[in-house]
N, C-alpha and C. Protein backbone atom coordinates (compact mmCIF):
# COMPACT_ATOMS: atom_id res chain seq x y z
N MET A 1 66.13 -42.52 193.37
CA MET A 1 66.63 -43.06 193.97
C MET A 1 65.63 -43.47 195.17
N LEU A 2 66.30 -43.73 196.36
CA LEU A 2 65.24 -43.75 197.43
C LEU A 2 63.94 -43.74 197.07
N ALA A 3 63.30 -44.28 198.11
CA ALA A 3 61.92 -44.50 198.08
C ALA A 3 61.13 -43.64 196.87
N THR A 4 60.99 -42.60 196.93
CA THR A 4 60.23 -41.65 196.36
C THR A 4 61.48 -41.55 195.14
N GLY A 5 62.64 -41.71 194.79
CA GLY A 5 63.44 -41.19 193.63
C GLY A 5 62.96 -42.63 192.81
N GLY A 6 63.01 -43.67 193.64
CA GLY A 6 62.56 -44.87 192.36
C GLY A 6 63.38 -45.51 192.00
N CYS A 7 64.69 -45.84 192.17
CA CYS A 7 65.43 -46.94 191.80
C CYS A 7 65.62 -48.13 191.54
N THR A 8 65.59 -48.70 191.00
CA THR A 8 65.11 -50.22 190.64
C THR A 8 66.64 -50.79 190.05
N GLY A 9 66.53 -52.48 190.14
CA GLY A 9 67.70 -53.01 189.67
C GLY A 9 67.58 -52.86 187.68
N GLY A 10 68.63 -52.77 187.15
CA GLY A 10 68.99 -52.63 186.10
C GLY A 10 68.70 -51.11 185.50
N GLY A 11 68.83 -50.69 186.14
CA GLY A 11 69.29 -49.23 186.05
C GLY A 11 68.31 -48.37 186.01
N ALA A 12 66.51 -49.02 185.50
CA ALA A 12 65.32 -48.31 185.27
C ALA A 12 65.32 -47.65 186.67
N ALA A 13 63.88 -46.64 186.40
CA ALA A 13 64.01 -45.84 187.17
C ALA A 13 62.23 -45.44 187.30
N GLN A 14 61.80 -45.58 188.59
CA GLN A 14 60.26 -45.22 188.48
C GLN A 14 60.02 -44.25 189.62
N GLY A 15 58.75 -43.67 189.60
CA GLY A 15 58.48 -42.75 191.15
C GLY A 15 58.55 -41.52 190.35
N ALA A 16 58.07 -40.48 191.24
CA ALA A 16 57.97 -38.93 190.95
C ALA A 16 59.04 -38.62 190.81
N ALA A 17 60.10 -38.84 191.46
CA ALA A 17 61.92 -37.80 191.33
C ALA A 17 62.45 -38.74 191.00
N SER A 18 62.93 -39.73 189.75
CA SER A 18 63.37 -40.28 189.21
C SER A 18 65.03 -39.88 188.84
N PRO A 19 66.41 -40.57 189.19
CA PRO A 19 67.31 -40.27 189.02
C PRO A 19 67.53 -39.87 187.66
N PRO A 20 68.20 -38.85 186.90
CA PRO A 20 68.60 -38.74 185.55
C PRO A 20 69.67 -39.73 185.50
N ALA A 21 69.93 -39.87 184.02
CA ALA A 21 71.38 -40.43 183.89
C ALA A 21 72.30 -39.23 184.21
N SER A 22 73.57 -39.21 184.08
CA SER A 22 74.52 -38.91 184.81
C SER A 22 74.08 -37.51 183.42
N SER A 23 74.36 -35.91 183.93
CA SER A 23 74.15 -34.93 182.95
C SER A 23 75.26 -34.02 183.03
N ALA A 24 76.45 -34.60 183.43
CA ALA A 24 77.28 -33.75 184.33
C ALA A 24 78.81 -34.07 182.63
N PRO A 25 79.48 -32.81 182.48
CA PRO A 25 80.61 -33.51 181.20
C PRO A 25 81.40 -34.29 181.42
N THR A 26 81.78 -35.30 180.61
CA THR A 26 82.70 -36.56 180.54
C THR A 26 83.82 -36.57 179.60
N VAL A 27 84.27 -37.12 179.93
CA VAL A 27 85.57 -37.05 178.96
C VAL A 27 86.01 -38.12 178.31
N SER A 28 85.62 -37.86 176.60
CA SER A 28 85.69 -38.91 175.79
C SER A 28 87.17 -39.75 175.81
N GLY A 29 86.84 -41.00 175.43
CA GLY A 29 88.34 -41.39 175.28
C GLY A 29 89.18 -41.96 176.46
N SER A 30 88.26 -40.92 177.68
CA SER A 30 88.92 -41.51 178.96
C SER A 30 89.59 -42.82 179.08
N SER A 31 90.39 -43.66 180.22
CA SER A 31 90.54 -44.57 180.51
C SER A 31 89.32 -45.21 181.79
N GLU A 32 89.32 -46.26 182.12
CA GLU A 32 88.78 -46.54 182.89
C GLU A 32 89.05 -46.28 184.52
N PRO A 33 88.02 -45.41 185.12
CA PRO A 33 88.54 -44.49 186.49
C PRO A 33 89.54 -45.64 187.26
N THR A 34 90.62 -45.18 188.29
CA THR A 34 91.09 -46.04 189.22
C THR A 34 89.90 -46.03 190.58
N ALA A 35 89.95 -46.84 191.12
CA ALA A 35 89.11 -46.70 192.60
C ALA A 35 89.88 -47.07 193.72
N THR A 36 89.56 -46.26 194.84
CA THR A 36 89.92 -46.35 196.00
C THR A 36 88.59 -47.07 196.64
N THR A 37 88.95 -48.19 197.97
CA THR A 37 87.48 -48.68 198.43
C THR A 37 87.76 -47.99 199.77
N VAL A 38 86.72 -47.96 200.11
CA VAL A 38 86.78 -47.32 201.80
C VAL A 38 85.71 -48.04 202.71
N THR A 39 86.27 -47.94 204.26
CA THR A 39 84.88 -48.69 204.41
C THR A 39 84.20 -47.46 205.29
N PRO A 40 82.69 -47.51 205.11
CA PRO A 40 82.34 -46.44 205.89
C PRO A 40 82.31 -46.16 207.33
N THR A 41 82.93 -45.04 207.76
CA THR A 41 82.68 -44.47 208.87
C THR A 41 81.09 -44.49 210.02
N PRO A 42 81.49 -44.80 211.37
CA PRO A 42 79.90 -44.89 211.72
C PRO A 42 79.62 -42.92 212.03
N ALA A 43 78.52 -43.12 211.73
CA ALA A 43 78.11 -41.50 211.94
C ALA A 43 78.37 -40.91 213.67
N ALA A 44 77.86 -39.81 213.66
CA ALA A 44 78.21 -39.15 214.72
C ALA A 44 76.31 -39.56 215.40
N THR A 45 76.17 -39.10 216.56
CA THR A 45 75.11 -39.25 216.74
C THR A 45 74.51 -38.16 216.35
N PRO A 46 73.20 -38.35 215.51
CA PRO A 46 72.33 -37.21 214.64
C PRO A 46 71.25 -36.36 216.37
N THR A 47 70.71 -35.58 215.67
CA THR A 47 70.11 -34.90 216.56
C THR A 47 68.66 -34.79 215.70
N ALA A 48 67.96 -34.87 217.12
CA ALA A 48 66.46 -34.83 216.40
C ALA A 48 65.93 -33.46 216.33
N THR A 49 64.89 -33.55 215.34
CA THR A 49 64.56 -32.53 214.67
C THR A 49 62.99 -32.34 214.54
N GLY A 50 62.29 -32.43 215.57
CA GLY A 50 60.61 -32.67 215.45
C GLY A 50 60.93 -34.39 215.45
N THR A 51 60.22 -34.99 214.60
CA THR A 51 60.08 -36.53 214.54
C THR A 51 61.07 -36.92 213.71
N ALA A 52 61.86 -36.31 212.31
CA ALA A 52 62.35 -36.68 211.69
C ALA A 52 64.19 -36.56 212.50
N VAL A 53 65.20 -36.91 211.76
CA VAL A 53 66.18 -37.06 212.78
C VAL A 53 67.34 -36.53 211.35
N LYS A 54 67.97 -35.53 211.77
CA LYS A 54 68.69 -34.74 210.64
C LYS A 54 70.17 -35.52 211.34
N PRO A 55 71.37 -35.78 209.90
CA PRO A 55 72.25 -36.28 209.94
C PRO A 55 73.45 -35.22 210.84
N VAL A 56 74.24 -35.66 211.26
CA VAL A 56 74.96 -34.72 211.43
C VAL A 56 76.01 -34.55 210.56
N ARG A 57 76.68 -32.91 210.30
CA ARG A 57 77.74 -32.69 209.24
C ARG A 57 78.57 -33.29 209.40
N PRO A 58 79.24 -33.96 208.59
CA PRO A 58 80.19 -34.33 209.13
C PRO A 58 82.19 -33.75 208.79
N ALA A 59 82.55 -34.10 209.50
CA ALA A 59 84.04 -32.70 209.56
C ALA A 59 84.39 -32.53 208.15
N ASP A 60 84.49 -34.01 207.73
CA ASP A 60 85.33 -34.17 206.35
C ASP A 60 84.79 -33.38 205.19
N LEU A 61 83.55 -32.95 205.33
CA LEU A 61 82.96 -31.89 204.46
C LEU A 61 83.83 -30.59 204.27
N ASP A 62 85.05 -30.32 205.22
CA ASP A 62 85.64 -29.21 204.95
C ASP A 62 86.81 -29.54 204.26
N ARG A 63 87.21 -30.85 204.10
CA ARG A 63 88.06 -30.91 202.81
C ARG A 63 88.17 -30.72 201.45
N THR A 64 88.88 -30.82 200.80
CA THR A 64 88.80 -30.35 199.41
C THR A 64 89.34 -31.74 198.86
N ASP A 65 89.51 -32.40 199.22
CA ASP A 65 90.13 -33.96 198.40
C ASP A 65 89.08 -35.01 197.92
N ALA A 66 89.49 -36.17 197.97
CA ALA A 66 88.51 -37.39 197.74
C ALA A 66 88.06 -37.88 199.47
N ARG A 67 88.36 -37.48 200.44
CA ARG A 67 87.84 -37.82 201.43
C ARG A 67 86.57 -36.56 201.93
N GLY A 68 86.87 -35.79 201.14
CA GLY A 68 85.51 -35.17 201.09
C GLY A 68 84.78 -35.31 200.44
N ALA A 69 84.84 -35.44 199.14
CA ALA A 69 83.92 -35.67 198.22
C ALA A 69 83.18 -37.14 198.57
N GLU A 70 83.70 -38.18 199.57
CA GLU A 70 83.11 -39.14 199.75
C GLU A 70 81.94 -38.73 200.96
N ALA A 71 82.99 -37.66 201.91
CA ALA A 71 81.61 -36.95 202.35
C ALA A 71 80.69 -36.43 202.41
N ALA A 72 80.98 -35.41 201.18
CA ALA A 72 79.64 -34.95 200.59
C ALA A 72 78.43 -35.86 200.11
N ALA A 73 79.18 -37.11 199.42
CA ALA A 73 78.17 -37.47 198.71
C ALA A 73 77.15 -38.54 200.04
N THR A 74 77.81 -38.94 200.64
CA THR A 74 77.21 -39.99 201.71
C THR A 74 76.02 -39.12 202.76
N TYR A 75 76.77 -37.80 203.37
CA TYR A 75 75.97 -37.02 203.54
C TYR A 75 74.67 -36.58 202.96
N PHE A 76 74.83 -36.13 201.77
CA PHE A 76 73.95 -36.16 200.87
C PHE A 76 72.46 -36.94 200.88
N LEU A 77 73.12 -38.26 200.66
CA LEU A 77 72.27 -39.41 200.83
C LEU A 77 71.35 -39.42 202.05
N GLU A 78 72.48 -39.45 203.59
CA GLU A 78 71.61 -39.66 204.14
C GLU A 78 70.73 -38.30 204.86
N LEU A 79 70.78 -37.37 204.13
CA LEU A 79 69.81 -36.29 204.35
C LEU A 79 68.65 -36.35 203.52
N TYR A 80 68.57 -37.19 202.71
CA TYR A 80 67.17 -37.66 202.07
C TYR A 80 66.06 -37.87 202.87
N PRO A 81 65.71 -38.87 204.25
CA PRO A 81 65.09 -39.10 204.84
C PRO A 81 64.47 -37.97 205.47
N TYR A 82 65.11 -37.26 206.03
CA TYR A 82 65.02 -36.25 206.85
C TYR A 82 64.07 -35.37 206.02
N VAL A 83 65.15 -34.81 204.71
CA VAL A 83 64.18 -33.59 203.68
C VAL A 83 62.82 -33.91 203.35
N MET A 84 62.39 -35.39 202.75
CA MET A 84 61.28 -35.73 202.97
C MET A 84 60.51 -35.67 204.04
N ALA A 85 60.73 -36.14 205.76
CA ALA A 85 59.96 -36.00 206.46
C ALA A 85 59.85 -34.89 206.74
N THR A 86 60.56 -33.90 206.81
CA THR A 86 60.15 -32.63 207.12
C THR A 86 60.02 -31.13 206.28
N GLY A 87 60.55 -31.36 204.79
CA GLY A 87 60.06 -30.33 204.19
C GLY A 87 61.42 -29.49 203.86
N ASP A 88 61.96 -29.73 204.97
CA ASP A 88 63.46 -28.70 205.09
C ASP A 88 64.53 -29.01 203.82
N THR A 89 64.42 -28.28 203.10
CA THR A 89 65.32 -28.52 202.14
C THR A 89 66.44 -27.96 202.01
N ALA A 90 66.99 -26.94 203.24
CA ALA A 90 67.99 -25.78 203.27
C ALA A 90 69.44 -26.55 202.38
N GLU A 91 69.65 -27.60 203.79
CA GLU A 91 70.62 -28.00 203.58
C GLU A 91 70.99 -28.85 201.87
N TRP A 92 70.15 -29.56 201.64
CA TRP A 92 69.85 -30.25 200.55
C TRP A 92 69.96 -29.14 199.15
N ASP A 93 69.32 -28.18 199.43
CA ASP A 93 69.84 -27.12 198.51
C ASP A 93 71.05 -26.17 198.13
N ALA A 94 71.71 -25.82 199.16
CA ALA A 94 72.96 -25.54 199.64
C ALA A 94 73.76 -26.44 198.86
N MET A 95 73.44 -28.13 198.42
CA MET A 95 74.46 -28.49 198.34
C MET A 95 74.43 -29.00 196.78
N THR A 96 72.87 -28.91 196.28
CA THR A 96 72.33 -29.38 194.73
C THR A 96 73.20 -28.22 194.05
N PHE A 97 73.95 -28.95 192.75
CA PHE A 97 74.13 -27.97 191.84
C PHE A 97 73.07 -28.22 190.86
N GLU A 98 72.15 -26.78 190.88
CA GLU A 98 71.23 -26.79 190.02
C GLU A 98 70.88 -27.28 188.60
N LYS A 99 72.23 -26.51 188.15
CA LYS A 99 72.58 -26.85 186.58
C LYS A 99 72.61 -27.94 186.16
N THR A 100 72.94 -29.18 186.65
CA THR A 100 73.35 -30.45 186.48
C THR A 100 72.36 -31.22 187.11
N CYS A 101 71.73 -31.08 188.18
CA CYS A 101 71.57 -32.25 189.47
C CYS A 101 69.76 -32.50 189.10
N GLU A 102 69.27 -33.15 187.90
CA GLU A 102 68.02 -33.16 188.10
C GLU A 102 67.32 -33.57 189.24
N PHE A 103 67.59 -35.24 189.63
CA PHE A 103 67.71 -35.55 190.41
C PHE A 103 67.14 -34.74 192.22
N CYS A 104 68.26 -33.89 192.36
CA CYS A 104 68.02 -33.57 193.30
C CYS A 104 67.47 -32.24 193.28
N THR A 105 66.83 -31.58 192.29
CA THR A 105 65.97 -30.45 192.44
C THR A 105 64.61 -31.12 192.42
N LYS A 106 64.51 -32.39 192.04
CA LYS A 106 63.35 -33.12 191.72
C LYS A 106 62.80 -33.44 193.46
N ILE A 107 63.64 -33.70 194.28
CA ILE A 107 63.41 -33.90 195.62
C ILE A 107 63.55 -33.27 196.32
N SER A 108 63.82 -31.80 195.85
CA SER A 108 63.29 -30.94 196.75
C SER A 108 62.20 -30.10 196.41
N ASP A 109 61.97 -30.41 194.92
CA ASP A 109 60.33 -29.95 194.90
C ASP A 109 59.34 -31.10 195.49
N ALA A 110 59.39 -31.89 195.57
CA ALA A 110 58.61 -33.03 195.98
C ALA A 110 58.60 -32.83 197.40
N ALA A 111 59.91 -32.79 198.03
CA ALA A 111 59.33 -32.79 199.97
C ALA A 111 58.85 -31.05 199.71
N LEU A 112 59.09 -29.69 199.47
CA LEU A 112 58.30 -28.63 199.72
C LEU A 112 56.84 -29.02 199.36
N ALA A 113 56.32 -29.49 198.16
CA ALA A 113 55.15 -29.66 197.73
C ALA A 113 54.16 -30.74 198.68
N TYR A 114 55.13 -31.77 199.59
CA TYR A 114 54.13 -32.62 200.47
C TYR A 114 53.91 -31.67 201.35
N SER A 115 55.30 -30.90 201.71
CA SER A 115 55.34 -30.10 202.81
C SER A 115 54.09 -28.99 202.97
N ALA A 116 53.92 -28.23 201.75
CA ALA A 116 52.87 -27.15 201.63
C ALA A 116 51.35 -27.90 201.39
N GLY A 117 51.63 -29.23 200.99
CA GLY A 117 50.17 -29.91 201.01
C GLY A 117 49.72 -30.53 201.95
N GLY A 118 50.60 -30.47 202.94
CA GLY A 118 50.11 -31.11 204.60
C GLY A 118 50.67 -32.42 204.25
N LYS A 119 51.04 -33.15 204.03
CA LYS A 119 51.74 -34.34 203.48
C LYS A 119 52.96 -34.31 204.53
N SER A 120 53.84 -35.99 204.66
CA SER A 120 54.70 -36.12 205.18
C SER A 120 54.88 -37.50 205.20
N VAL A 121 56.43 -37.72 205.13
CA VAL A 121 56.76 -38.97 204.70
C VAL A 121 57.23 -39.44 206.18
N THR A 122 56.91 -40.76 206.49
CA THR A 122 58.03 -41.73 207.63
C THR A 122 58.57 -42.29 207.31
N GLY A 123 59.73 -43.43 208.06
CA GLY A 123 60.52 -44.25 207.57
C GLY A 123 61.17 -44.02 206.35
N GLY A 124 61.47 -44.71 205.27
CA GLY A 124 62.29 -44.55 204.85
C GLY A 124 64.09 -44.07 205.11
N ASP A 125 64.49 -45.11 205.86
CA ASP A 125 65.32 -44.35 206.56
C ASP A 125 66.71 -44.84 205.71
N VAL A 126 67.89 -44.49 205.57
CA VAL A 126 68.86 -45.16 204.71
C VAL A 126 70.09 -45.51 205.21
N HIS A 127 70.31 -46.46 204.47
CA HIS A 127 71.84 -47.55 205.52
C HIS A 127 72.77 -47.45 204.46
N LEU A 128 73.87 -46.84 204.48
CA LEU A 128 75.07 -47.28 203.62
C LEU A 128 75.59 -48.33 203.71
N GLY A 129 76.39 -49.08 202.61
CA GLY A 129 77.15 -50.18 202.48
C GLY A 129 78.67 -49.54 202.26
N ALA A 130 79.12 -50.59 201.01
CA ALA A 130 80.46 -49.90 200.67
C ALA A 130 80.66 -48.78 199.63
N VAL A 131 81.45 -47.74 200.22
CA VAL A 131 81.76 -46.55 199.40
C VAL A 131 83.03 -46.79 198.69
N GLU A 132 82.89 -46.34 197.28
CA GLU A 132 84.03 -46.24 196.69
C GLU A 132 84.49 -45.03 196.10
N ARG A 133 85.52 -44.27 196.28
CA ARG A 133 85.87 -43.23 195.97
C ARG A 133 86.49 -43.27 194.38
N LEU A 134 86.16 -42.84 193.47
CA LEU A 134 86.41 -42.93 192.08
C LEU A 134 87.49 -41.99 191.49
N SER A 135 88.42 -42.08 190.75
CA SER A 135 89.22 -40.98 190.59
C SER A 135 88.78 -39.62 189.83
N LYS A 136 89.05 -38.77 190.31
CA LYS A 136 88.40 -37.02 190.01
C LYS A 136 88.48 -36.82 188.70
N ASP A 137 88.13 -35.92 188.10
CA ASP A 137 88.17 -36.33 186.08
C ASP A 137 88.51 -34.89 186.89
N SER A 138 90.16 -34.40 185.97
CA SER A 138 90.73 -33.43 185.98
C SER A 138 90.51 -32.38 185.17
N LEU A 139 89.39 -32.44 184.27
CA LEU A 139 88.61 -31.62 183.14
C LEU A 139 87.73 -31.10 184.02
N THR A 140 86.50 -31.61 184.22
CA THR A 140 85.37 -31.11 185.33
C THR A 140 85.26 -31.05 186.70
N GLY A 141 86.68 -31.30 187.43
CA GLY A 141 86.76 -31.52 188.87
C GLY A 141 85.90 -32.43 189.50
N ILE A 142 85.07 -33.30 188.72
CA ILE A 142 84.04 -34.11 189.70
C ILE A 142 84.85 -34.80 190.41
N TYR A 143 84.10 -35.30 191.35
CA TYR A 143 84.75 -36.38 192.09
C TYR A 143 83.81 -37.39 191.99
N PRO A 144 83.77 -38.81 191.21
CA PRO A 144 82.28 -39.69 191.45
C PRO A 144 82.71 -40.62 192.47
N VAL A 145 81.30 -40.92 193.05
CA VAL A 145 81.64 -41.71 194.32
C VAL A 145 80.72 -42.80 194.02
N ARG A 146 80.90 -43.89 194.23
CA ARG A 146 80.20 -45.01 194.47
C ARG A 146 79.68 -45.46 195.37
N VAL A 147 78.27 -45.45 195.49
CA VAL A 147 77.38 -45.93 197.13
C VAL A 147 76.70 -46.81 196.99
N ASN A 148 76.81 -48.05 197.82
CA ASN A 148 75.92 -49.17 197.82
C ASN A 148 74.94 -48.96 198.90
N ILE A 149 74.02 -48.70 198.66
CA ILE A 149 72.60 -48.27 199.70
C ILE A 149 71.69 -49.34 199.62
N ARG A 150 70.99 -48.85 200.96
CA ARG A 150 69.83 -49.76 201.02
C ARG A 150 69.23 -48.69 201.98
N GLN A 151 67.58 -48.85 201.60
CA GLN A 151 66.56 -47.78 202.24
C GLN A 151 65.30 -48.67 202.45
N ASP A 152 65.00 -48.22 203.70
CA ASP A 152 63.56 -48.95 204.17
C ASP A 152 62.24 -48.61 203.49
N ASP A 153 61.32 -49.41 203.42
CA ASP A 153 60.21 -49.05 203.76
C ASP A 153 59.67 -47.55 203.96
N SER A 154 58.89 -46.66 203.31
CA SER A 154 58.58 -45.29 203.92
C SER A 154 56.86 -45.51 203.39
N THR A 155 56.24 -44.41 204.26
CA THR A 155 54.97 -44.27 204.17
C THR A 155 54.37 -42.52 203.49
N LEU A 156 53.73 -42.30 202.84
CA LEU A 156 53.13 -41.00 202.68
C LEU A 156 52.09 -40.86 203.13
N LEU A 157 52.13 -40.00 204.10
CA LEU A 157 50.90 -39.91 204.95
C LEU A 157 50.08 -38.02 204.60
N ASP A 158 48.74 -38.03 204.51
CA ASP A 158 47.85 -37.09 204.45
C ASP A 158 47.76 -36.41 205.58
N SER A 159 47.42 -34.82 205.75
CA SER A 159 47.55 -34.22 206.49
C SER A 159 46.78 -35.16 208.27
N SER A 160 45.95 -35.46 208.21
CA SER A 160 45.56 -36.17 209.33
C SER A 160 46.12 -37.81 209.84
N GLY A 161 47.11 -37.72 208.74
CA GLY A 161 48.28 -38.83 209.23
C GLY A 161 48.02 -39.89 208.23
N SER A 162 46.58 -40.30 207.18
CA SER A 162 46.31 -41.42 206.86
C SER A 162 47.16 -41.60 206.10
N THR A 163 47.37 -42.88 205.45
CA THR A 163 48.36 -43.25 204.60
C THR A 163 47.66 -42.98 203.22
N ILE A 164 49.06 -42.67 202.45
CA ILE A 164 48.37 -42.21 200.90
C ILE A 164 48.56 -43.40 200.43
N GLN A 165 50.12 -44.12 200.65
CA GLN A 165 51.14 -44.66 199.60
C GLN A 165 52.14 -45.32 201.04
N VAL A 166 52.77 -46.67 200.49
CA VAL A 166 53.23 -47.32 201.09
C VAL A 166 54.02 -47.47 199.83
N LEU A 167 55.86 -46.45 200.37
CA LEU A 167 56.75 -46.85 198.89
C LEU A 167 57.61 -48.03 199.36
N GLU A 168 57.86 -48.83 198.78
CA GLU A 168 59.11 -50.04 198.90
C GLU A 168 60.26 -49.44 198.98
N GLY A 169 60.92 -49.90 199.89
CA GLY A 169 62.34 -49.30 200.35
C GLY A 169 63.06 -50.53 199.00
N ILE A 170 64.56 -49.67 198.72
CA ILE A 170 65.40 -50.10 197.84
C ILE A 170 66.40 -50.71 198.16
N SER A 171 67.58 -51.38 197.28
CA SER A 171 69.04 -51.67 197.25
C SER A 171 69.45 -51.33 196.24
N SER A 172 70.95 -50.08 196.29
CA SER A 172 71.32 -50.14 194.76
C SER A 172 72.69 -49.49 194.79
N THR A 173 72.93 -49.65 193.74
CA THR A 173 74.59 -48.62 194.15
C THR A 173 74.32 -47.64 192.69
N LEU A 174 74.38 -46.28 193.73
CA LEU A 174 74.57 -45.24 193.10
C LEU A 174 75.88 -44.40 192.86
N ILE A 175 75.71 -43.86 191.96
CA ILE A 175 77.29 -43.18 191.68
C ILE A 175 76.89 -41.59 191.99
N VAL A 176 77.61 -40.64 192.66
CA VAL A 176 77.19 -39.42 193.52
C VAL A 176 78.18 -38.58 192.74
N GLU A 177 78.11 -37.53 191.85
CA GLU A 177 79.09 -36.63 191.13
C GLU A 177 79.49 -35.74 192.40
N THR A 178 80.29 -35.42 192.81
CA THR A 178 80.42 -34.38 193.92
C THR A 178 81.90 -33.30 192.79
N VAL A 179 81.70 -31.93 193.24
CA VAL A 179 82.33 -31.21 192.96
C VAL A 179 82.27 -30.10 194.04
N ARG A 180 83.61 -29.41 194.43
CA ARG A 180 84.00 -28.36 195.31
C ARG A 180 83.88 -26.80 194.58
N ASP A 181 83.17 -26.23 195.35
CA ASP A 181 83.74 -24.76 194.90
C ASP A 181 83.92 -23.81 195.92
N ASP A 182 83.79 -22.52 195.54
CA ASP A 182 84.39 -21.99 196.96
C ASP A 182 83.25 -21.81 198.09
N THR A 183 82.14 -22.28 197.65
CA THR A 183 80.93 -22.24 198.78
C THR A 183 80.78 -23.48 199.58
N GLY A 184 81.60 -24.36 199.05
CA GLY A 184 82.00 -25.75 199.71
C GLY A 184 81.25 -26.85 198.75
N TRP A 185 81.25 -28.12 198.93
CA TRP A 185 80.63 -29.48 198.23
C TRP A 185 79.36 -29.14 197.81
N LEU A 186 79.26 -29.58 196.32
CA LEU A 186 77.95 -29.54 195.48
C LEU A 186 77.60 -30.73 194.88
N VAL A 187 76.65 -31.43 194.47
CA VAL A 187 76.00 -32.92 193.88
C VAL A 187 75.66 -32.47 192.95
N ALA A 188 76.47 -32.56 191.59
CA ALA A 188 76.66 -32.24 190.43
C ALA A 188 75.21 -33.30 189.36
N ALA A 189 75.17 -34.44 190.16
CA ALA A 189 74.47 -35.68 189.49
C ALA A 189 74.44 -36.60 190.52
N VAL A 190 72.76 -37.97 190.79
CA VAL A 190 73.29 -38.96 190.96
C VAL A 190 72.34 -39.92 190.23
N SER A 191 73.37 -40.93 189.87
CA SER A 191 72.59 -41.44 188.81
C SER A 191 72.67 -42.89 189.29
N VAL A 192 71.99 -44.06 188.97
CA VAL A 192 72.30 -45.51 189.25
C VAL A 192 73.42 -46.11 188.32
N ASP A 193 74.05 -46.78 189.27
CA ASP A 193 75.40 -47.36 188.39
C ASP A 193 75.00 -48.59 187.63
N ALA A 194 74.63 -48.31 186.30
CA ALA A 194 74.25 -49.78 185.74
C ALA A 194 74.99 -50.79 185.75
């Protein structure tokens, strides 16, 4: 996904933290899910943290329905540039279902390694397009959300501010599988929609 995640067309993944194929349980023999298409709502004004901008937590994250799932999916994707720029993975990790979301843990590990090594990432802003809530899986409780994203180019810098690598931006459609437990919304998987 997103520049370090390396989503590319055709479902192929590249880069250090590539999204895995969905590892959440599936129901065999289930019919094609019905979908609700929604228009992205404007985000609240973000607050600055150092040179990176942390997105504002949407109020809909408190909901336990499909709107809450959508808020969780979009907020999680919007956290990505902040996490990579700052190494602050607290909220990202709190929303990661570690047992199934390999992509999520790879991003967290990469952000922490960059930060510990004095590296930083600039740019890489995420722009959300169409968001589509798919039907909840009654067996697993997972709410899949299809999100069209575009990510700007980003630059990996060393501790002196010199460029190590320029990462080309991407456009992709992702499936973010969300599930709610007693602590709130978790991301169970992120995959490229084939």
